[in-house]
Amino acid sequence: MKSKKNLLEQLKSLPHFDKNTVSQLGKQLGLKESTVNTYISRFLKAEEIYRLKNGWYVSVDFFEKNKHNISYSFYLANIMRTPSYISSWAALQYYNLTTEAIYPITSVTRKVTREYETSAGNFNYQSISKKLFTDFSLVSGKFDFYIASPSKALFDLLYFRTRQFRGLSIENIKAMIVELRIDIDEMKKKEQDNFYSLINAHLHE
């Protein structure tokens, strides 16, 4: 049982880990693969680790210590489905452009649309074309993550909400921004110009 405790202690220091990581740590402790699998099941049952997705986990101890750090949630969203970046409501809230309460973290990905409901949070991924998988950057810190620029976050939100702006004019889009209570006037002029540039380019395709 000492080896079980030692394994869990090592996992507590990791922001996330996969089955392979647990196996490698188990080997260092002299554990058989079957024993490692048993321990993983017991950790899950005892709620000492959370499953993020199949074969991916985080210790409850690490999660509880960092769950109020939004950069950690964004980091998890990035690593659970790659390539992806934080966008839409989650990004707009990060930039203080909306006061709406955000629950699932929405990301944009090149892969198919997917949703993960986990004990560590809900993560939504919306699929976009290679051409529109742009205008995001890396934010470095304790937890690194990729996030859309303010203009692209707003573009992505409306792009998916309106089914790619079908049948809409610029005036329709402006009215929708007001209706959704998004503070576009708080965006820097460069970002506002970029937003309308993205919209115009898409409407005239």
C-alpha atoms as a PDB file:
ATOM      1  CA  MET A   1       0.000   0.000   0.000  1.00  0.00           C
ATOM      2  CA  LYS A   2       3.012   2.243   0.478  1.00  0.00           C
ATOM      3  CA  SER A   3       3.695   2.092  -3.267  1.00  0.00           C
ATOM      4  CA  LYS A   4       0.096   3.150  -3.952  1.00  0.00           C
ATOM      5  CA  LYS A   5       0.514   6.182  -1.707  1.00  0.00           C
ATOM      6  CA  ASN A   6       3.895   7.018  -3.276  1.00  0.00           C
ATOM      7  CA  LEU A   7       2.390   6.828  -6.767  1.00  0.00           C
ATOM      8  CA  LEU A   8      -0.463   9.160  -5.842  1.00  0.00           C
ATOM      9  CA  GLU A   9       1.950  11.635  -4.235  1.00  0.00           C
ATOM     10  CA  GLN A  10       3.959  11.834  -7.470  1.00  0.00           C
ATOM     11  CA  LEU A  11       0.812  12.367  -9.526  1.00  0.00           C
ATOM     12  CA  LYS A  12      -0.263  15.249  -7.258  1.00  0.00           C
ATOM     13  CA  SER A  13       2.542  17.443  -8.602  1.00  0.00           C
ATOM     14  CA  LEU A  14       1.439  17.129 -12.260  1.00  0.00           C
ATOM     15  CA  PRO A  15      -0.985  19.569 -13.948  1.00  0.00           C
ATOM     16  CA  HIS A  16      -2.286  16.569 -15.914  1.00  0.00           C
ATOM     17  CA  PHE A  17      -1.086  13.087 -16.810  1.00  0.00           C
ATOM     18  CA  ASP A  18      -1.922  10.207 -19.111  1.00  0.00           C
ATOM     19  CA  LYS A  19      -1.946   6.447 -18.694  1.00  0.00           C
ATOM     20  CA  ASN A  20       1.620   6.190 -20.038  1.00  0.00           C
ATOM     21  CA  THR A  21       2.917   8.607 -17.382  1.00  0.00           C
ATOM     22  CA  VAL A  22       1.276   6.549 -14.617  1.00  0.00           C
ATOM     23  CA  SER A  23       2.791   3.367 -16.068  1.00  0.00           C
ATOM     24  CA  GLN A  24       6.283   4.897 -16.160  1.00  0.00           C
ATOM     25  CA  LEU A  25       6.008   6.111 -12.561  1.00  0.00           C
ATOM     26  CA  GLY A  26       4.661   2.713 -11.564  1.00  0.00           C
ATOM     27  CA  LYS A  27       7.663   0.967 -13.128  1.00  0.00           C
ATOM     28  CA  GLN A  28      10.009   3.172 -11.108  1.00  0.00           C
ATOM     29  CA  LEU A  29       8.180   1.958  -7.991  1.00  0.00           C
ATOM     30  CA  GLY A  30       8.465  -1.653  -9.141  1.00  0.00           C
ATOM     31  CA  LEU A  31       4.767  -2.050  -9.905  1.00  0.00           C
ATOM     32  CA  LYS A  32       3.316  -4.386 -12.506  1.00  0.00           C
ATOM     33  CA  GLU A  33       1.113  -2.956 -15.256  1.00  0.00           C
ATOM     34  CA  SER A  34      -1.919  -4.811 -13.873  1.00  0.00           C
ATOM     35  CA  THR A  35      -1.290  -3.267 -10.445  1.00  0.00           C
ATOM     36  CA  VAL A  36      -1.040   0.218 -11.980  1.00  0.00           C
ATOM     37  CA  ASN A  37      -4.389  -0.304 -13.741  1.00  0.00           C
ATOM     38  CA  THR A  38      -5.941  -1.407 -10.445  1.00  0.00           C
ATOM     39  CA  TYR A  39      -4.587   1.667  -8.678  1.00  0.00           C
ATOM     40  CA  ILE A  40      -5.966   3.986 -11.378  1.00  0.00           C
ATOM     41  CA  SER A  41      -9.421   2.431 -10.911  1.00  0.00           C
ATOM     42  CA  ARG A  42      -9.169   2.836  -7.145  1.00  0.00           C
ATOM     43  CA  PHE A  43      -7.969   6.451  -7.416  1.00  0.00           C
ATOM     44  CA  LEU A  44     -10.970   7.238  -9.632  1.00  0.00           C
ATOM     45  CA  LYS A  45     -13.421   5.484  -7.321  1.00  0.00           C
ATOM     46  CA  ALA A  46     -12.015   7.259  -4.264  1.00  0.00           C
ATOM     47  CA  GLU A  47     -12.130  10.575  -6.163  1.00  0.00           C
ATOM     48  CA  GLU A  48      -8.407  11.091  -5.744  1.00  0.00           C
ATOM     49  CA  ILE A  49      -8.053  11.685  -9.492  1.00  0.00           C
ATOM     50  CA  TYR A  50     -10.484  12.969 -12.146  1.00  0.00           C
ATOM     51  CA  ARG A  51     -10.762  11.608 -15.668  1.00  0.00           C
ATOM     52  CA  LEU A  52     -10.440  14.363 -18.289  1.00  0.00           C
ATOM     53  CA  LYS A  53     -10.988  12.031 -21.227  1.00  0.00           C
ATOM     54  CA  ASN A  54     -10.100   8.444 -22.040  1.00  0.00           C
ATOM     55  CA  GLY A  55      -6.616   7.798 -20.615  1.00  0.00           C
ATOM     56  CA  TRP A  56      -6.098  11.405 -19.424  1.00  0.00           C
ATOM     57  CA  TYR A  57      -6.340  12.470 -15.780  1.00  0.00           C
ATOM     58  CA  VAL A  58      -5.624  15.142 -13.177  1.00  0.00           C
ATOM     59  CA  SER A  59      -5.228  14.641  -9.428  1.00  0.00           C
ATOM     60  CA  VAL A  60      -8.039  16.136  -7.363  1.00  0.00           C
ATOM     61  CA  ASP A  61      -5.401  17.687  -5.097  1.00  0.00           C
ATOM     62  CA  PHE A  62      -3.758  19.606  -7.967  1.00  0.00           C
ATOM     63  CA  PHE A  63      -7.100  20.595  -9.468  1.00  0.00           C
ATOM     64  CA  GLU A  64      -8.495  21.929  -6.180  1.00  0.00           C
ATOM     65  CA  LYS A  65      -5.371  24.037  -5.635  1.00  0.00           C
ATOM     66  CA  ASN A  66      -5.604  25.597  -9.106  1.00  0.00           C
ATOM     67  CA  LYS A  67      -9.288  25.522 -10.082  1.00  0.00           C
ATOM     68  CA  HIS A  68      -9.771  29.252  -9.485  1.00  0.00           C
ATOM     69  CA  ASN A  69      -6.886  30.098 -11.807  1.00  0.00           C
ATOM     70  CA  ILE A  70      -8.542  30.595 -15.210  1.00  0.00           C
ATOM     71  CA  SER A  71      -5.229  30.017 -16.973  1.00  0.00           C
ATOM     72  CA  TYR A  72      -5.216  26.453 -15.615  1.00  0.00           C
ATOM     73  CA  SER A  73      -8.678  25.762 -17.054  1.00  0.00           C
ATOM     74  CA  PHE A  74      -7.551  27.242 -20.383  1.00  0.00           C
ATOM     75  CA  TYR A  75      -4.391  25.117 -20.264  1.00  0.00           C
ATOM     76  CA  LEU A  76      -6.488  21.980 -19.769  1.00  0.00           C
ATOM     77  CA  ALA A  77      -8.774  22.979 -22.641  1.00  0.00           C
ATOM     78  CA  ASN A  78      -5.751  23.380 -24.937  1.00  0.00           C
ATOM     79  CA  ILE A  79      -4.116  20.053 -24.117  1.00  0.00           C
ATOM     80  CA  MET A  80      -7.300  17.984 -24.236  1.00  0.00           C
ATOM     81  CA  ARG A  81      -7.803  18.646 -27.944  1.00  0.00           C
ATOM     82  CA  THR A  82      -4.977  19.855 -30.154  1.00  0.00           C
ATOM     83  CA  PRO A  83      -4.657  21.991 -32.099  1.00  0.00           C
ATOM     84  CA  SER A  84      -7.137  24.352 -30.450  1.00  0.00           C
ATOM     85  CA  TYR A  85      -7.367  27.820 -28.930  1.00  0.00           C
ATOM     86  CA  ILE A  86      -9.721  29.468 -26.399  1.00  0.00           C
ATOM     87  CA  SER A  87     -12.361  31.603 -28.094  1.00  0.00           C
ATOM     88  CA  SER A  88     -15.945  32.898 -28.109  1.00  0.00           C
ATOM     89  CA  TRP A  89     -17.539  33.664 -24.704  1.00  0.00           C
ATOM     90  CA  ALA A  90     -14.606  32.358 -22.641  1.00  0.00           C
ATOM     91  CA  ALA A  91     -12.110  34.592 -24.449  1.00  0.00           C
ATOM     92  CA  LEU A  92     -14.416  37.624 -24.418  1.00  0.00           C
ATOM     93  CA  GLN A  93     -14.824  37.265 -20.661  1.00  0.00           C
ATOM     94  CA  TYR A  94     -11.036  36.934 -20.291  1.00  0.00           C
ATOM     95  CA  TYR A  95     -10.686  40.304 -22.081  1.00  0.00           C
ATOM     96  CA  ASN A  96     -13.472  41.837 -19.915  1.00  0.00           C
ATOM     97  CA  LEU A  97     -15.665  42.447 -22.960  1.00  0.00           C
ATOM     98  CA  THR A  98     -18.724  40.739 -21.455  1.00  0.00           C
ATOM     99  CA  THR A  99     -20.190  40.251 -17.993  1.00  0.00           C
ATOM    100  CA  GLU A 100     -22.133  37.132 -18.968  1.00  0.00           C
ATOM    101  CA  ALA A 101     -21.461  34.108 -16.731  1.00  0.00           C
ATOM    102  CA  ILE A 102     -19.460  31.498 -18.633  1.00  0.00           C
ATOM    103  CA  TYR A 103     -19.642  27.833 -17.710  1.00  0.00           C
ATOM    104  CA  PRO A 104     -18.339  25.548 -20.483  1.00  0.00           C
ATOM    105  CA  ILE A 105     -14.992  26.689 -21.879  1.00  0.00           C
ATOM    106  CA  THR A 106     -15.353  27.052 -25.633  1.00  0.00           C
ATOM    107  CA  SER A 107     -12.415  26.447 -27.936  1.00  0.00           C
ATOM    108  CA  VAL A 108     -11.963  26.417 -31.691  1.00  0.00           C
ATOM    109  CA  THR A 109     -10.222  23.442 -33.296  1.00  0.00           C
ATOM    110  CA  ARG A 110      -9.231  22.051 -36.687  1.00  0.00           C
ATOM    111  CA  LYS A 111     -10.643  18.697 -35.575  1.00  0.00           C
ATOM    112  CA  VAL A 112     -14.308  17.666 -35.464  1.00  0.00           C
ATOM    113  CA  THR A 113     -16.709  19.345 -33.030  1.00  0.00           C
ATOM    114  CA  ARG A 114     -16.592  17.687 -29.619  1.00  0.00           C
ATOM    115  CA  GLU A 115     -17.698  18.205 -26.022  1.00  0.00           C
ATOM    116  CA  TYR A 116     -16.198  16.831 -22.821  1.00  0.00           C
ATOM    117  CA  GLU A 117     -18.145  16.921 -19.537  1.00  0.00           C
ATOM    118  CA  THR A 118     -15.735  16.194 -16.690  1.00  0.00           C
ATOM    119  CA  SER A 119     -15.431  16.719 -12.937  1.00  0.00           C
ATOM    120  CA  ALA A 120     -12.740  19.278 -13.784  1.00  0.00           C
ATOM    121  CA  GLY A 121     -15.126  21.303 -15.946  1.00  0.00           C
ATOM    122  CA  ASN A 122     -16.975  21.221 -19.265  1.00  0.00           C
ATOM    123  CA  PHE A 123     -15.033  21.794 -22.469  1.00  0.00           C
ATOM    124  CA  ASN A 124     -16.633  22.507 -25.849  1.00  0.00           C
ATOM    125  CA  TYR A 125     -14.736  22.414 -29.155  1.00  0.00           C
ATOM    126  CA  GLN A 126     -16.106  23.866 -32.372  1.00  0.00           C
ATOM    127  CA  SER A 127     -14.609  22.898 -35.721  1.00  0.00           C
ATOM    128  CA  ILE A 128     -13.442  25.562 -38.150  1.00  0.00           C
ATOM    129  CA  SER A 129     -11.691  25.531 -41.520  1.00  0.00           C
ATOM    130  CA  LYS A 130      -7.922  25.795 -41.869  1.00  0.00           C
ATOM    131  CA  LYS A 131      -8.362  29.229 -43.479  1.00  0.00           C
ATOM    132  CA  LEU A 132     -10.150  30.607 -40.394  1.00  0.00           C
ATOM    133  CA  PHE A 133      -7.925  28.885 -37.821  1.00  0.00           C
ATOM    134  CA  THR A 134      -6.027  32.149 -37.261  1.00  0.00           C
ATOM    135  CA  ASP A 135      -5.592  35.216 -35.037  1.00  0.00           C
ATOM    136  CA  PHE A 136      -4.649  33.496 -31.791  1.00  0.00           C
ATOM    137  CA  SER A 137      -1.515  33.725 -29.672  1.00  0.00           C
ATOM    138  CA  LEU A 138       0.272  32.052 -26.770  1.00  0.00           C
ATOM    139  CA  VAL A 139      -0.134  33.513 -23.277  1.00  0.00           C
ATOM    140  CA  SER A 140       2.792  32.396 -21.114  1.00  0.00           C
ATOM    141  CA  GLY A 141       2.726  32.039 -17.350  1.00  0.00           C
ATOM    142  CA  LYS A 142       2.372  29.329 -14.735  1.00  0.00           C
ATOM    143  CA  PHE A 143       0.060  27.626 -17.236  1.00  0.00           C
ATOM    144  CA  ASP A 144       0.536  28.424 -20.923  1.00  0.00           C
ATOM    145  CA  PHE A 145      -2.449  28.557 -23.271  1.00  0.00           C
ATOM    146  CA  TYR A 146      -3.454  29.686 -26.748  1.00  0.00           C
ATOM    147  CA  ILE A 147      -6.284  32.212 -26.997  1.00  0.00           C
ATOM    148  CA  ALA A 148      -7.992  34.122 -29.807  1.00  0.00           C
ATOM    149  CA  SER A 149      -7.462  37.859 -30.156  1.00  0.00           C
ATOM    150  CA  PRO A 150     -10.472  39.910 -28.962  1.00  0.00           C
ATOM    151  CA  SER A 151     -11.604  40.490 -32.550  1.00  0.00           C
ATOM    152  CA  LYS A 152     -11.297  36.821 -33.524  1.00  0.00           C
ATOM    153  CA  ALA A 153     -13.064  35.678 -30.323  1.00  0.00           C
ATOM    154  CA  LEU A 154     -16.059  37.842 -31.274  1.00  0.00           C
ATOM    155  CA  PHE A 155     -15.897  36.703 -34.895  1.00  0.00           C
ATOM    156  CA  ASP A 156     -15.858  33.032 -33.825  1.00  0.00           C
ATOM    157  CA  LEU A 157     -18.790  33.504 -31.437  1.00  0.00           C
ATOM    158  CA  LEU A 158     -20.976  35.050 -34.127  1.00  0.00           C
ATOM    159  CA  TYR A 159     -19.698  32.728 -36.861  1.00  0.00           C
ATOM    160  CA  PHE A 160     -21.001  29.655 -35.049  1.00  0.00           C
ATOM    161  CA  ARG A 161     -24.076  31.345 -33.579  1.00  0.00           C
ATOM    162  CA  THR A 162     -25.336  32.482 -37.005  1.00  0.00           C
ATOM    163  CA  ARG A 163     -24.233  29.424 -38.997  1.00  0.00           C
ATOM    164  CA  GLN A 164     -21.452  31.320 -40.758  1.00  0.00           C
ATOM    165  CA  PHE A 165     -23.341  34.655 -41.038  1.00  0.00           C
ATOM    166  CA  ARG A 166     -25.898  33.185 -43.430  1.00  0.00           C
ATOM    167  CA  GLY A 167     -28.212  35.890 -44.810  1.00  0.00           C
ATOM    168  CA  LEU A 168     -26.873  38.601 -42.493  1.00  0.00           C
ATOM    169  CA  SER A 169     -25.723  42.149 -43.177  1.00  0.00           C
ATOM    170  CA  ILE A 170     -23.238  44.248 -41.211  1.00  0.00           C
ATOM    171  CA  GLU A 171     -26.195  46.046 -39.611  1.00  0.00           C
ATOM    172  CA  ASN A 172     -27.683  42.721 -38.477  1.00  0.00           C
ATOM    173  CA  ILE A 173     -24.345  41.792 -36.927  1.00  0.00           C
ATOM    174  CA  LYS A 174     -24.012  45.126 -35.111  1.00  0.00           C
ATOM    175  CA  ALA A 175     -27.514  44.709 -33.673  1.00  0.00           C
ATOM    176  CA  MET A 176     -26.656  41.199 -32.501  1.00  0.00           C
ATOM    177  CA  ILE A 177     -23.541  42.456 -30.681  1.00  0.00           C
ATOM    178  CA  VAL A 178     -25.716  44.942 -28.756  1.00  0.00           C
ATOM    179  CA  GLU A 179     -28.318  42.269 -28.023  1.00  0.00           C
ATOM    180  CA  LEU A 180     -25.641  39.937 -26.639  1.00  0.00           C
ATOM    181  CA  ARG A 181     -24.329  42.735 -24.398  1.00  0.00           C
ATOM    182  CA  ILE A 182     -20.788  42.564 -25.718  1.00  0.00           C
ATOM    183  CA  ASP A 183     -18.790  45.734 -25.028  1.00  0.00           C
ATOM    184  CA  ILE A 184     -17.207  46.097 -28.453  1.00  0.00           C
ATOM    185  CA  ASP A 185     -16.486  49.775 -27.708  1.00  0.00           C
ATOM    186  CA  GLU A 186     -14.046  48.578 -25.049  1.00  0.00           C
ATOM    187  CA  MET A 187     -11.968  46.887 -27.764  1.00  0.00           C
ATOM    188  CA  LYS A 188      -8.978  48.767 -29.073  1.00  0.00           C
ATOM    189  CA  LYS A 189      -9.656  50.419 -32.433  1.00  0.00           C
ATOM    190  CA  LYS A 190      -7.194  48.062 -34.118  1.00  0.00           C
ATOM    191  CA  GLU A 191      -9.185  45.078 -32.850  1.00  0.00           C
ATOM    192  CA  GLN A 192     -12.506  46.616 -33.924  1.00  0.00           C
ATOM    193  CA  ASP A 193     -11.096  47.271 -37.399  1.00  0.00           C
ATOM    194  CA  ASN A 194      -9.819  43.715 -37.589  1.00  0.00           C
ATOM    195  CA  PHE A 195     -13.217  42.341 -36.550  1.00  0.00           C
ATOM    196  CA  TYR A 196     -15.064  44.207 -39.292  1.00  0.00           C
ATOM    197  CA  SER A 197     -12.346  43.294 -41.767  1.00  0.00           C
ATOM    198  CA  LEU A 198     -12.874  39.592 -40.952  1.00  0.00           C
ATOM    199  CA  ILE A 199     -16.649  40.011 -41.263  1.00  0.00           C
ATOM    200  CA  ASN A 200     -16.488  41.868 -44.583  1.00  0.00           C
ATOM    201  CA  ALA A 201     -14.069  39.365 -46.056  1.00  0.00           C
ATOM    202  CA  HIS A 202     -16.394  36.514 -45.110  1.00  0.00           C
ATOM    203  CA  LEU A 203     -19.607  38.209 -46.286  1.00  0.00           C
ATOM    204  CA  HIS A 204     -18.127  38.916 -49.716  1.00  0.00           C
ATOM    205  CA  GLU A 205     -16.727  35.451 -50.375  1.00  0.00           C
END
